[in-house]
Amino acid sequence: MTTHRMESVGRELQEEIAEIVRTEIDDPLIGFVTITDVEMSPDLKHARVYFSVLGDEQEKRDSARGIRRAAKFIRGRIAERIELRYVPTLRFVLDETAERAQRIEMLLRREAEELHLEEPEPDDQH
């Protein structure tokens, strides 16, 4: 069950992590990364940070490696920026939700087009 406090801390962490990644990390491995969500544990000691990467599979792997490598730095910056009793450990997870949704949408469109092509044309000579 997600509490209001978990959601609030998660949103704040998402904003701060996005800012840190955008302005303070200069790693050539990290490409165009977007922090899409942060899920907090009930005790607020652990955060699962979801991110997406614009690019091909190699760029995603590189960015994932780079952002995971920067996790300790990001956690340290969070400690300086946000007043929390415990600075949560950060676990970065590649979020492929948007790509899956695009793939599903493409498959549904293709299926709809195939169904439309298979339908007999209505006979207008009644």
Protein backbone atom coordinates (compact mmCIF):
# COMPACT_ATOMS: atom_id res chain seq x y z
CA MET A 1 0.00 0.00 0.00
CA THR A 2 1.40 3.36 -1.01
CA THR A 3 1.05 6.13 1.52
CA HIS A 4 0.87 9.84 0.88
CA ARG A 5 4.32 10.25 2.44
CA MET A 6 5.82 7.59 0.13
CA GLU A 7 4.34 9.32 -2.91
CA SER A 8 5.47 12.75 -1.75
CA VAL A 9 9.06 11.67 -1.08
CA GLY A 10 9.08 9.74 -4.36
CA ARG A 11 8.00 12.80 -6.35
CA GLU A 12 10.59 14.98 -4.65
CA LEU A 13 13.33 12.41 -5.28
CA GLN A 14 12.27 12.10 -8.93
CA GLU A 15 12.62 15.85 -9.45
CA GLU A 16 15.97 16.07 -7.67
CA ILE A 17 17.47 13.01 -9.36
CA ALA A 18 16.37 14.30 -12.77
CA GLU A 19 18.03 17.64 -12.03
CA ILE A 20 21.24 15.99 -10.81
CA VAL A 21 21.45 13.72 -13.85
CA ARG A 22 20.78 16.64 -16.20
CA THR A 23 23.14 19.19 -14.67
CA GLU A 24 25.78 17.50 -12.52
CA ILE A 25 26.74 14.21 -14.14
CA ASP A 26 29.19 14.39 -17.00
CA ASP A 27 29.49 10.76 -18.05
CA PRO A 28 29.78 10.00 -21.76
CA LEU A 29 27.98 6.70 -21.19
CA ILE A 30 24.83 8.42 -20.02
CA GLY A 31 22.77 9.47 -22.99
CA PHE A 32 19.37 11.14 -23.05
CA VAL A 33 17.97 9.79 -19.76
CA THR A 34 14.57 10.64 -18.32
CA ILE A 35 13.64 9.75 -14.75
CA THR A 36 10.11 8.40 -15.19
CA ASP A 37 9.14 7.34 -11.66
CA VAL A 38 10.40 6.65 -8.16
CA GLU A 39 8.84 4.01 -5.92
CA MET A 40 9.64 4.22 -2.22
CA SER A 41 9.70 1.39 0.29
CA PRO A 42 7.27 1.83 3.21
CA ASP A 43 10.13 2.74 5.57
CA LEU A 44 11.50 5.27 3.01
CA LYS A 45 14.95 3.66 3.19
CA HIS A 46 14.95 2.29 -0.36
CA ALA A 47 13.96 3.83 -3.67
CA ARG A 48 13.47 2.13 -7.00
CA VAL A 49 14.24 4.77 -9.62
CA TYR A 50 12.80 4.10 -13.07
CA PHE A 51 14.45 5.73 -16.06
CA SER A 52 14.06 5.62 -19.81
CA VAL A 53 16.68 6.21 -22.47
CA LEU A 54 16.21 7.61 -25.93
CA GLY A 55 18.33 5.49 -28.24
CA ASP A 56 19.14 2.02 -29.47
CA GLU A 57 19.84 -1.05 -27.33
CA GLN A 58 23.56 -0.27 -26.96
CA GLU A 59 22.83 3.30 -25.82
CA LYS A 60 20.34 1.93 -23.28
CA ARG A 61 22.89 -0.55 -21.91
CA ASP A 62 25.57 2.15 -21.75
CA SER A 63 23.26 4.64 -20.05
CA ALA A 64 22.10 2.02 -17.55
CA ARG A 65 25.71 1.18 -16.70
CA GLY A 66 26.61 4.87 -16.38
CA ILE A 67 23.66 5.83 -14.22
CA ARG A 68 24.16 2.85 -11.93
CA ARG A 69 27.81 3.79 -11.63
CA ALA A 70 26.72 7.31 -10.58
CA ALA A 71 24.21 6.07 -7.97
CA LYS A 72 26.51 6.75 -5.01
CA PHE A 73 27.21 10.29 -6.23
CA ILE A 74 23.49 10.91 -6.81
CA ARG A 75 22.67 9.61 -3.32
CA GLY A 76 25.26 11.97 -1.83
CA ARG A 77 23.77 14.95 -3.67
CA ILE A 78 20.28 13.92 -2.49
CA ALA A 79 21.57 13.98 1.10
CA GLU A 80 22.66 17.59 0.59
CA ARG A 81 19.43 18.70 -1.12
CA ILE A 82 16.58 16.97 0.70
CA GLU A 83 16.07 16.79 4.43
CA LEU A 84 15.21 13.18 5.22
CA ARG A 85 15.87 11.07 8.29
CA TYR A 86 17.45 8.43 6.03
CA VAL A 87 18.80 8.97 2.55
CA PRO A 88 17.33 6.05 0.63
CA THR A 89 19.46 3.59 -1.25
CA LEU A 90 18.82 4.03 -4.96
CA ARG A 91 18.19 1.14 -7.31
CA PHE A 92 18.00 2.21 -10.95
CA VAL A 93 15.69 0.23 -13.23
CA LEU A 94 15.37 0.71 -16.98
CA ASP A 95 11.73 1.59 -17.70
CA GLU A 96 10.61 0.25 -21.06
CA THR A 97 6.91 0.90 -20.50
CA ALA A 98 6.63 3.52 -23.27
CA GLU A 99 8.35 1.26 -25.78
CA ARG A 100 6.11 -1.68 -24.86
CA ALA A 101 3.06 0.53 -25.25
CA GLN A 102 4.27 1.66 -28.68
CA ARG A 103 4.88 -1.94 -29.72
CA ILE A 104 1.40 -2.98 -28.58
CA GLU A 105 -0.18 -0.02 -30.35
CA MET A 106 1.67 -0.89 -33.57
CA LEU A 107 0.51 -4.52 -33.35
CA LEU A 108 -3.08 -3.45 -32.73
CA ARG A 109 -2.99 -1.05 -35.69
CA ARG A 110 -1.53 -3.73 -37.92
CA GLU A 111 -4.23 -6.19 -36.83
CA ALA A 112 -6.95 -3.58 -37.42
CA GLU A 113 -5.59 -2.86 -40.89
CA GLU A 114 -5.50 -6.57 -41.73
CA LEU A 115 -9.07 -7.02 -40.50
CA HIS A 116 -10.18 -4.02 -42.53
CA LEU A 117 -8.54 -5.43 -45.67
CA GLU A 118 -10.24 -8.79 -45.17
CA GLU A 119 -13.74 -7.34 -44.80
CA PRO A 120 -15.84 -7.61 -47.95
CA GLU A 121 -16.72 -4.27 -49.46
CA PRO A 122 -20.36 -3.32 -48.91
CA ASP A 123 -22.53 -3.82 -51.98
CA ASP A 124 -23.92 -0.43 -53.02
CA GLN A 125 -26.31 -1.83 -55.68
CA HIS A 126 -29.42 -2.46 -53.55
